Amino acid sequence: MKSSKLIFLLSITLFCISACSSHDSTNQISNSNHQSITDKKVFKPETQDHQTSDQLSFETILAGKNPTSNFSIDAEHNFFQLKIINKSKLMITFNIVNNENGQEVFTDQVKPNKIWTWNSSTTYPKGLDSGKYTIQYRSNGNNMNGIAYGQLSSTPK
């Protein structure tokens, strides 16, 4: 009789622990800014003030002969920062093109084993036009080695 009561008591305890742990779990979703935020059912308003206006637009491994990066700029995030890390002994040449109108934003080069950065606000104080963009990388037909990062922002930096 005592063992059946003990088993019953353990069963109820395990059930309660199981129900409580699954009930307390928080669902996570990802917003357009690639930040993790809590599901709206349990979202606390005071945490909304801590969201950033920046978003990583792309990360491209520069390998092979003709890698490209594609990204979009909207009216809310029209400032763009580009960072290219050249890990090779070869010069990397690249150009940014606005796919909407076919215009080249600019062309530049990254020296071997160097890091190159650019912020659109230095050249475009009001930001870039909304639309889709492509960055084309090349190294005189040679395989390259590097990485490129693009980040959008709602404010100039």
N, C-alpha and C. Protein backbone atom coordinates (compact mmCIF):
# COMPACT_ATOMS: atom_id res chain seq x y z
N MET A 1 0.81 -1.19 0.00
CA MET A 1 0.00 0.00 0.00
C MET A 1 0.86 1.26 0.00
N LYS A 2 1.93 1.27 0.82
CA LYS A 2 2.81 2.43 0.85
C LYS A 2 3.51 2.63 -0.48
N SER A 3 3.91 1.56 -1.15
CA SER A 3 4.61 1.70 -2.43
C SER A 3 3.68 2.23 -3.50
N SER A 4 2.43 1.89 -3.52
CA SER A 4 1.51 2.43 -4.52
C SER A 4 1.26 3.92 -4.30
N LYS A 5 1.21 4.36 -3.02
CA LYS A 5 1.06 5.79 -2.73
C LYS A 5 2.31 6.55 -3.16
N LEU A 6 3.48 5.93 -2.93
CA LEU A 6 4.73 6.57 -3.31
C LEU A 6 4.83 6.71 -4.83
N ILE A 7 4.46 5.67 -5.55
CA ILE A 7 4.47 5.72 -7.02
C ILE A 7 3.49 6.78 -7.52
N PHE A 8 2.32 6.81 -6.93
CA PHE A 8 1.31 7.81 -7.31
C PHE A 8 1.84 9.23 -7.07
N LEU A 9 2.45 9.46 -5.90
CA LEU A 9 3.00 10.76 -5.56
C LEU A 9 4.13 11.16 -6.51
N LEU A 10 5.01 10.23 -6.85
CA LEU A 10 6.09 10.50 -7.80
C LEU A 10 5.53 10.81 -9.19
N SER A 11 4.51 10.10 -9.59
CA SER A 11 3.90 10.33 -10.90
C SER A 11 3.33 11.74 -10.99
N ILE A 12 2.63 12.17 -9.94
CA ILE A 12 2.05 13.51 -9.93
C ILE A 12 3.16 14.57 -9.94
N THR A 13 4.22 14.33 -9.16
CA THR A 13 5.34 15.27 -9.12
C THR A 13 6.00 15.41 -10.48
N LEU A 14 6.25 14.30 -11.14
CA LEU A 14 6.86 14.34 -12.47
C LEU A 14 5.96 15.04 -13.47
N PHE A 15 4.65 14.79 -13.38
CA PHE A 15 3.70 15.44 -14.27
C PHE A 15 3.74 16.96 -14.06
N CYS A 16 3.74 17.40 -12.81
CA CYS A 16 3.77 18.84 -12.51
C CYS A 16 5.06 19.49 -13.00
N ILE A 17 6.18 18.83 -12.79
CA ILE A 17 7.46 19.37 -13.25
C ILE A 17 7.47 19.49 -14.76
N SER A 18 6.98 18.45 -15.41
CA SER A 18 6.93 18.45 -16.88
C SER A 18 6.02 19.55 -17.40
N ALA A 19 4.86 19.71 -16.81
CA ALA A 19 3.90 20.72 -17.27
C ALA A 19 4.43 22.12 -17.01
N CYS A 20 5.06 22.34 -15.87
CA CYS A 20 5.57 23.67 -15.54
C CYS A 20 6.74 24.07 -16.44
N SER A 21 7.64 23.15 -16.72
CA SER A 21 8.80 23.50 -17.54
C SER A 21 8.40 23.79 -18.97
N SER A 22 7.43 23.08 -19.54
CA SER A 22 7.02 23.37 -20.91
C SER A 22 6.18 24.64 -20.97
N HIS A 23 5.45 24.95 -19.89
CA HIS A 23 4.63 26.15 -19.86
C HIS A 23 5.47 27.42 -19.74
N ASP A 24 6.63 27.34 -19.05
CA ASP A 24 7.49 28.51 -18.84
C ASP A 24 8.40 28.80 -20.01
N SER A 25 8.51 27.89 -20.96
CA SER A 25 9.42 28.14 -22.08
C SER A 25 8.91 29.29 -22.92
N THR A 26 9.82 30.04 -23.48
CA THR A 26 9.49 31.21 -24.26
C THR A 26 9.78 30.94 -25.72
N ASN A 27 8.81 31.21 -26.57
CA ASN A 27 9.03 31.06 -28.01
C ASN A 27 9.86 32.22 -28.51
N GLN A 28 10.84 31.94 -29.37
CA GLN A 28 11.68 32.99 -29.94
C GLN A 28 11.37 33.11 -31.42
N ILE A 29 11.29 34.33 -31.90
CA ILE A 29 11.14 34.58 -33.33
C ILE A 29 12.23 35.54 -33.74
N SER A 30 12.48 35.65 -35.02
CA SER A 30 13.51 36.55 -35.50
C SER A 30 12.85 37.63 -36.32
N ASN A 31 13.16 38.90 -36.03
CA ASN A 31 12.56 39.97 -36.80
C ASN A 31 13.43 40.32 -37.99
N SER A 32 13.00 41.31 -38.77
CA SER A 32 13.73 41.66 -39.99
C SER A 32 15.12 42.20 -39.71
N ASN A 33 15.41 42.62 -38.49
CA ASN A 33 16.72 43.14 -38.15
C ASN A 33 17.66 42.06 -37.65
N HIS A 34 17.27 40.82 -37.79
CA HIS A 34 18.09 39.67 -37.37
C HIS A 34 18.37 39.69 -35.88
N GLN A 35 17.48 40.24 -35.11
CA GLN A 35 17.61 40.23 -33.66
C GLN A 35 16.60 39.23 -33.13
N SER A 36 16.92 38.62 -32.04
CA SER A 36 16.00 37.70 -31.43
C SER A 36 15.09 38.47 -30.48
N ILE A 37 13.78 38.32 -30.68
CA ILE A 37 12.84 38.97 -29.78
C ILE A 37 11.85 37.94 -29.29
N THR A 38 11.18 38.23 -28.21
CA THR A 38 10.25 37.30 -27.60
C THR A 38 8.91 37.36 -28.29
N ASP A 39 8.22 36.22 -28.37
CA ASP A 39 6.89 36.13 -28.96
C ASP A 39 5.99 37.17 -28.31
N LYS A 40 5.10 37.79 -29.07
CA LYS A 40 4.28 38.89 -28.58
C LYS A 40 3.38 38.49 -27.41
N LYS A 41 3.06 37.22 -27.24
CA LYS A 41 2.21 36.80 -26.13
C LYS A 41 2.86 37.09 -24.79
N VAL A 42 4.18 37.00 -24.72
CA VAL A 42 4.89 37.22 -23.47
C VAL A 42 5.92 38.34 -23.62
N PHE A 43 5.79 39.18 -24.64
CA PHE A 43 6.75 40.24 -24.92
C PHE A 43 6.59 41.36 -23.91
N LYS A 44 7.70 41.83 -23.35
CA LYS A 44 7.66 42.91 -22.38
C LYS A 44 7.97 44.22 -23.09
N PRO A 45 7.07 45.20 -23.05
CA PRO A 45 7.25 46.45 -23.79
C PRO A 45 8.55 47.19 -23.48
N GLU A 46 9.07 47.09 -22.26
CA GLU A 46 10.27 47.85 -21.92
C GLU A 46 11.49 47.40 -22.71
N THR A 47 11.48 46.21 -23.27
CA THR A 47 12.63 45.73 -24.05
C THR A 47 12.61 46.27 -25.47
N GLN A 48 11.51 46.83 -25.93
CA GLN A 48 11.44 47.36 -27.29
C GLN A 48 12.38 48.55 -27.47
N ASP A 49 12.65 49.30 -26.41
CA ASP A 49 13.51 50.47 -26.52
C ASP A 49 14.95 50.10 -26.81
N HIS A 50 15.34 48.84 -26.63
CA HIS A 50 16.72 48.42 -26.78
C HIS A 50 17.02 47.84 -28.16
N GLN A 51 16.08 47.90 -29.08
CA GLN A 51 16.31 47.35 -30.41
C GLN A 51 17.21 48.31 -31.20
N THR A 52 18.06 47.75 -32.03
CA THR A 52 18.97 48.56 -32.84
C THR A 52 18.37 48.79 -34.22
N SER A 53 18.80 49.84 -34.89
CA SER A 53 18.29 50.13 -36.23
C SER A 53 19.22 49.56 -37.30
N ASP A 54 20.30 48.91 -36.88
CA ASP A 54 21.25 48.34 -37.82
C ASP A 54 20.89 46.89 -38.13
N GLN A 55 21.25 46.44 -39.31
CA GLN A 55 21.04 45.05 -39.65
C GLN A 55 22.15 44.57 -40.59
N LEU A 56 22.64 43.38 -40.33
CA LEU A 56 23.63 42.78 -41.21
C LEU A 56 22.91 42.38 -42.48
N SER A 57 23.33 42.92 -43.59
CA SER A 57 22.68 42.66 -44.86
C SER A 57 23.24 41.42 -45.54
N PHE A 58 24.56 41.22 -45.45
CA PHE A 58 25.15 40.03 -46.05
C PHE A 58 26.53 39.77 -45.47
N GLU A 59 26.96 38.54 -45.64
CA GLU A 59 28.32 38.09 -45.34
C GLU A 59 28.68 37.17 -46.49
N THR A 60 29.66 37.54 -47.28
CA THR A 60 30.03 36.78 -48.47
C THR A 60 31.47 36.29 -48.35
N ILE A 61 31.66 34.99 -48.51
CA ILE A 61 33.01 34.42 -48.57
C ILE A 61 33.54 34.70 -49.97
N LEU A 62 34.68 35.34 -50.06
CA LEU A 62 35.27 35.65 -51.36
C LEU A 62 36.20 34.51 -51.75
N ALA A 63 35.66 33.60 -52.52
CA ALA A 63 36.41 32.44 -53.00
C ALA A 63 36.04 32.24 -54.46
N GLY A 64 36.92 31.62 -55.20
CA GLY A 64 36.68 31.45 -56.63
C GLY A 64 37.07 32.69 -57.40
N LYS A 65 36.56 32.80 -58.63
CA LYS A 65 36.97 33.89 -59.51
C LYS A 65 35.97 35.04 -59.60
N ASN A 66 34.68 34.79 -59.37
CA ASN A 66 33.67 35.83 -59.57
C ASN A 66 32.58 35.83 -58.50
N PRO A 67 32.92 35.94 -57.23
CA PRO A 67 31.85 35.97 -56.22
C PRO A 67 31.08 37.28 -56.29
N THR A 68 29.84 37.25 -55.83
CA THR A 68 29.00 38.45 -55.78
C THR A 68 28.28 38.52 -54.44
N SER A 69 27.89 39.71 -54.07
CA SER A 69 27.03 39.95 -52.90
C SER A 69 25.81 40.68 -53.40
N ASN A 70 24.65 40.24 -52.96
CA ASN A 70 23.39 40.89 -53.31
C ASN A 70 22.72 41.40 -52.04
N PHE A 71 22.18 42.61 -52.12
CA PHE A 71 21.48 43.17 -50.96
C PHE A 71 20.46 44.19 -51.44
N SER A 72 19.52 44.51 -50.56
CA SER A 72 18.48 45.49 -50.86
C SER A 72 18.53 46.61 -49.84
N ILE A 73 18.24 47.79 -50.32
CA ILE A 73 18.17 48.97 -49.46
C ILE A 73 16.75 49.48 -49.52
N ASP A 74 16.16 49.72 -48.35
CA ASP A 74 14.82 50.28 -48.30
C ASP A 74 14.91 51.71 -47.77
N ALA A 75 13.81 52.41 -47.83
CA ALA A 75 13.79 53.83 -47.42
C ALA A 75 14.13 54.01 -45.95
N GLU A 76 13.87 52.99 -45.13
CA GLU A 76 14.13 53.08 -43.70
C GLU A 76 15.60 52.81 -43.36
N HIS A 77 16.27 51.98 -44.15
CA HIS A 77 17.67 51.62 -43.91
C HIS A 77 18.49 51.95 -45.16
N ASN A 78 18.73 53.22 -45.42
CA ASN A 78 19.37 53.61 -46.67
C ASN A 78 20.84 53.98 -46.52
N PHE A 79 21.42 53.78 -45.35
CA PHE A 79 22.86 53.97 -45.17
C PHE A 79 23.51 52.60 -45.14
N PHE A 80 24.68 52.49 -45.76
CA PHE A 80 25.30 51.20 -45.98
C PHE A 80 26.78 51.27 -45.63
N GLN A 81 27.24 50.27 -44.91
CA GLN A 81 28.66 50.18 -44.59
C GLN A 81 29.18 48.86 -45.13
N LEU A 82 30.33 48.91 -45.80
CA LEU A 82 30.93 47.74 -46.42
C LEU A 82 32.32 47.52 -45.83
N LYS A 83 32.61 46.27 -45.52
CA LYS A 83 33.94 45.90 -45.02
C LYS A 83 34.39 44.69 -45.81
N ILE A 84 35.58 44.79 -46.41
CA ILE A 84 36.15 43.69 -47.19
C ILE A 84 37.51 43.34 -46.59
N ILE A 85 37.69 42.07 -46.30
CA ILE A 85 38.96 41.57 -45.77
C ILE A 85 39.61 40.72 -46.86
N ASN A 86 40.74 41.18 -47.37
CA ASN A 86 41.47 40.46 -48.41
C ASN A 86 42.54 39.61 -47.73
N LYS A 87 42.37 38.29 -47.78
CA LYS A 87 43.31 37.37 -47.13
C LYS A 87 44.31 36.79 -48.12
N SER A 88 44.34 37.31 -49.31
CA SER A 88 45.21 36.75 -50.34
C SER A 88 46.39 37.68 -50.65
N LYS A 89 47.24 37.22 -51.53
CA LYS A 89 48.39 38.02 -51.98
C LYS A 89 48.07 38.76 -53.27
N LEU A 90 46.79 38.75 -53.65
CA LEU A 90 46.34 39.38 -54.88
C LEU A 90 45.43 40.56 -54.59
N MET A 91 45.43 41.54 -55.48
CA MET A 91 44.54 42.69 -55.39
C MET A 91 43.12 42.22 -55.72
N ILE A 92 42.13 42.68 -54.95
CA ILE A 92 40.73 42.40 -55.26
C ILE A 92 40.10 43.71 -55.73
N THR A 93 39.51 43.69 -56.90
CA THR A 93 38.78 44.83 -57.45
C THR A 93 37.29 44.52 -57.32
N PHE A 94 36.49 45.52 -56.99
CA PHE A 94 35.06 45.30 -56.86
C PHE A 94 34.31 46.53 -57.31
N ASN A 95 33.05 46.32 -57.65
CA ASN A 95 32.18 47.44 -57.98
C ASN A 95 30.78 47.17 -57.45
N ILE A 96 30.12 48.26 -57.06
CA ILE A 96 28.75 48.19 -56.56
C ILE A 96 27.85 48.76 -57.63
N VAL A 97 26.80 48.00 -57.98
CA VAL A 97 25.87 48.42 -59.03
C VAL A 97 24.45 48.44 -58.47
N ASN A 98 23.71 49.51 -58.77
CA ASN A 98 22.29 49.59 -58.44
C ASN A 98 21.54 48.84 -59.54
N ASN A 99 20.95 47.70 -59.21
CA ASN A 99 20.27 46.87 -60.21
C ASN A 99 19.01 47.52 -60.76
N GLU A 100 18.42 48.45 -60.02
CA GLU A 100 17.17 49.09 -60.45
C GLU A 100 17.40 50.01 -61.65
N ASN A 101 18.51 50.75 -61.64
CA ASN A 101 18.75 51.69 -62.74
C ASN A 101 20.03 51.37 -63.53
N GLY A 102 20.77 50.32 -63.11
CA GLY A 102 21.98 49.91 -63.82
C GLY A 102 23.19 50.79 -63.57
N GLN A 103 23.06 51.77 -62.70
CA GLN A 103 24.18 52.68 -62.46
C GLN A 103 25.17 52.08 -61.48
N GLU A 104 26.43 52.33 -61.77
CA GLU A 104 27.49 51.90 -60.87
C GLU A 104 27.64 52.94 -59.76
N VAL A 105 27.62 52.47 -58.51
CA VAL A 105 27.79 53.37 -57.37
C VAL A 105 29.25 53.78 -57.30
N PHE A 106 30.16 52.81 -57.36
CA PHE A 106 31.59 53.08 -57.47
C PHE A 106 32.36 51.78 -57.63
N THR A 107 33.65 51.93 -58.00
CA THR A 107 34.59 50.82 -58.13
C THR A 107 35.80 51.15 -57.26
N ASP A 108 36.36 50.11 -56.63
CA ASP A 108 37.55 50.34 -55.81
C ASP A 108 38.33 49.03 -55.72
N GLN A 109 39.46 49.09 -55.02
CA GLN A 109 40.32 47.92 -54.88
C GLN A 109 40.73 47.74 -53.42
N VAL A 110 40.97 46.46 -53.07
CA VAL A 110 41.47 46.12 -51.74
C VAL A 110 42.85 45.50 -51.94
N LYS A 111 43.84 46.10 -51.33
CA LYS A 111 45.22 45.60 -51.45
C LYS A 111 45.35 44.24 -50.78
N PRO A 112 46.37 43.46 -51.21
CA PRO A 112 46.59 42.14 -50.61
C PRO A 112 46.79 42.23 -49.09
N ASN A 113 46.17 41.27 -48.39
CA ASN A 113 46.28 41.15 -46.93
C ASN A 113 45.90 42.43 -46.19
N LYS A 114 44.91 43.15 -46.70
CA LYS A 114 44.44 44.39 -46.08
C LYS A 114 42.94 44.33 -45.83
N ILE A 115 42.48 45.22 -44.96
CA ILE A 115 41.06 45.39 -44.67
C ILE A 115 40.63 46.73 -45.23
N TRP A 116 39.51 46.76 -45.94
CA TRP A 116 39.00 47.96 -46.57
C TRP A 116 37.59 48.21 -46.04
N THR A 117 37.28 49.44 -45.64
CA THR A 117 35.93 49.78 -45.18
C THR A 117 35.44 51.03 -45.90
N TRP A 118 34.13 51.11 -46.03
CA TRP A 118 33.49 52.26 -46.66
C TRP A 118 32.13 52.46 -46.03
N ASN A 119 31.81 53.72 -45.79
CA ASN A 119 30.49 54.08 -45.28
C ASN A 119 29.83 54.98 -46.31
N SER A 120 28.64 54.62 -46.74
CA SER A 120 27.96 55.38 -47.79
C SER A 120 27.72 56.84 -47.42
N SER A 121 27.62 57.14 -46.13
CA SER A 121 27.31 58.52 -45.73
C SER A 121 28.44 59.48 -46.06
N THR A 122 29.66 58.98 -46.27
CA THR A 122 30.77 59.88 -46.65
C THR A 122 30.61 60.38 -48.07
N THR A 123 30.03 59.56 -48.93
CA THR A 123 29.83 59.94 -50.34
C THR A 123 28.39 60.35 -50.62
N TYR A 124 27.46 59.73 -49.91
CA TYR A 124 26.03 59.98 -50.11
C TYR A 124 25.43 60.42 -48.77
N PRO A 125 25.51 61.71 -48.44
CA PRO A 125 25.06 62.19 -47.13
C PRO A 125 23.59 61.90 -46.82
N LYS A 126 22.77 61.75 -47.85
CA LYS A 126 21.35 61.44 -47.63
C LYS A 126 21.07 59.95 -47.75
N GLY A 127 22.11 59.15 -47.94
CA GLY A 127 21.94 57.71 -48.07
C GLY A 127 21.81 57.29 -49.53
N LEU A 128 21.83 55.98 -49.74
CA LEU A 128 21.69 55.42 -51.09
C LEU A 128 20.21 55.31 -51.46
N ASP A 129 19.95 55.28 -52.76
CA ASP A 129 18.59 55.08 -53.24
C ASP A 129 18.09 53.70 -52.86
N SER A 130 16.80 53.58 -52.61
CA SER A 130 16.20 52.28 -52.34
C SER A 130 16.32 51.41 -53.58
N GLY A 131 16.45 50.12 -53.37
CA GLY A 131 16.52 49.20 -54.49
C GLY A 131 17.44 48.03 -54.21
N LYS A 132 17.62 47.22 -55.23
CA LYS A 132 18.48 46.04 -55.13
C LYS A 132 19.85 46.38 -55.70
N TYR A 133 20.88 45.88 -55.02
CA TYR A 133 22.27 46.16 -55.39
C TYR A 133 23.05 44.85 -55.50
N THR A 134 24.10 44.89 -56.33
CA THR A 134 25.01 43.76 -56.46
C THR A 134 26.43 44.29 -56.37
N ILE A 135 27.27 43.55 -55.63
CA ILE A 135 28.70 43.85 -55.60
C ILE A 135 29.39 42.69 -56.31
N GLN A 136 30.21 43.02 -57.31
CA GLN A 136 30.97 42.02 -58.06
C GLN A 136 32.44 42.15 -57.68
N TYR A 137 33.04 41.00 -57.34
CA TYR A 137 34.45 40.97 -56.93
C TYR A 137 35.24 40.21 -57.99
N ARG A 138 36.47 40.65 -58.24
CA ARG A 138 37.34 39.95 -59.20
C ARG A 138 38.80 40.21 -58.84
N SER A 139 39.65 39.31 -59.35
CA SER A 139 41.08 39.42 -59.08
C SER A 139 41.87 38.95 -60.30
N ASN A 140 41.68 39.68 -61.41
CA ASN A 140 42.35 39.37 -62.68
C ASN A 140 42.22 37.90 -63.09
N GLY A 141 41.06 37.31 -62.89
CA GLY A 141 40.82 35.93 -63.28
C GLY A 141 41.38 34.89 -62.33
N ASN A 142 41.95 35.31 -61.23
CA ASN A 142 42.51 34.39 -60.23
C ASN A 142 41.49 34.10 -59.13
N ASN A 143 41.68 32.99 -58.46
CA ASN A 143 40.87 32.68 -57.28
C ASN A 143 41.26 33.62 -56.16
N MET A 144 40.27 34.09 -55.45
CA MET A 144 40.57 35.01 -54.35
C MET A 144 40.25 34.36 -53.01
N ASN A 145 40.69 35.02 -51.95
CA ASN A 145 40.49 34.53 -50.60
C ASN A 145 40.18 35.73 -49.72
N GLY A 146 38.96 35.78 -49.18
CA GLY A 146 38.59 36.89 -48.32
C GLY A 146 37.16 36.78 -47.86
N ILE A 147 36.68 37.84 -47.29
CA ILE A 147 35.30 37.89 -46.81
C ILE A 147 34.81 39.33 -46.91
N ALA A 148 33.53 39.48 -47.19
CA ALA A 148 32.92 40.82 -47.28
C ALA A 148 31.67 40.86 -46.40
N TYR A 149 31.50 41.98 -45.71
CA TYR A 149 30.33 42.19 -44.86
C TYR A 149 29.63 43.46 -45.29
N GLY A 150 28.31 43.43 -45.33
CA GLY A 150 27.53 44.62 -45.59
C GLY A 150 26.55 44.84 -44.46
N GLN A 151 26.43 46.07 -44.02
CA GLN A 151 25.51 46.39 -42.93
C GLN A 151 24.69 47.61 -43.29
N LEU A 152 23.39 47.51 -43.11
CA LEU A 152 22.47 48.63 -43.36
C LEU A 152 22.18 49.36 -42.05
N SER A 153 21.87 50.63 -42.17
CA SER A 153 21.56 51.43 -40.99
C SER A 153 20.53 52.48 -41.36
N SER A 154 19.77 52.89 -40.38
CA SER A 154 18.79 53.95 -40.61
C SER A 154 19.39 55.34 -40.38
N THR A 155 20.60 55.38 -39.82
CA THR A 155 21.27 56.65 -39.57
C THR A 155 22.70 56.60 -40.07
N PRO A 156 23.26 57.75 -40.48
CA PRO A 156 24.67 57.76 -40.89
C PRO A 156 25.56 57.52 -39.67
N LYS A 157 26.70 56.89 -39.90
CA LYS A 157 27.63 56.62 -38.79
C LYS A 157 28.92 57.37 -39.01
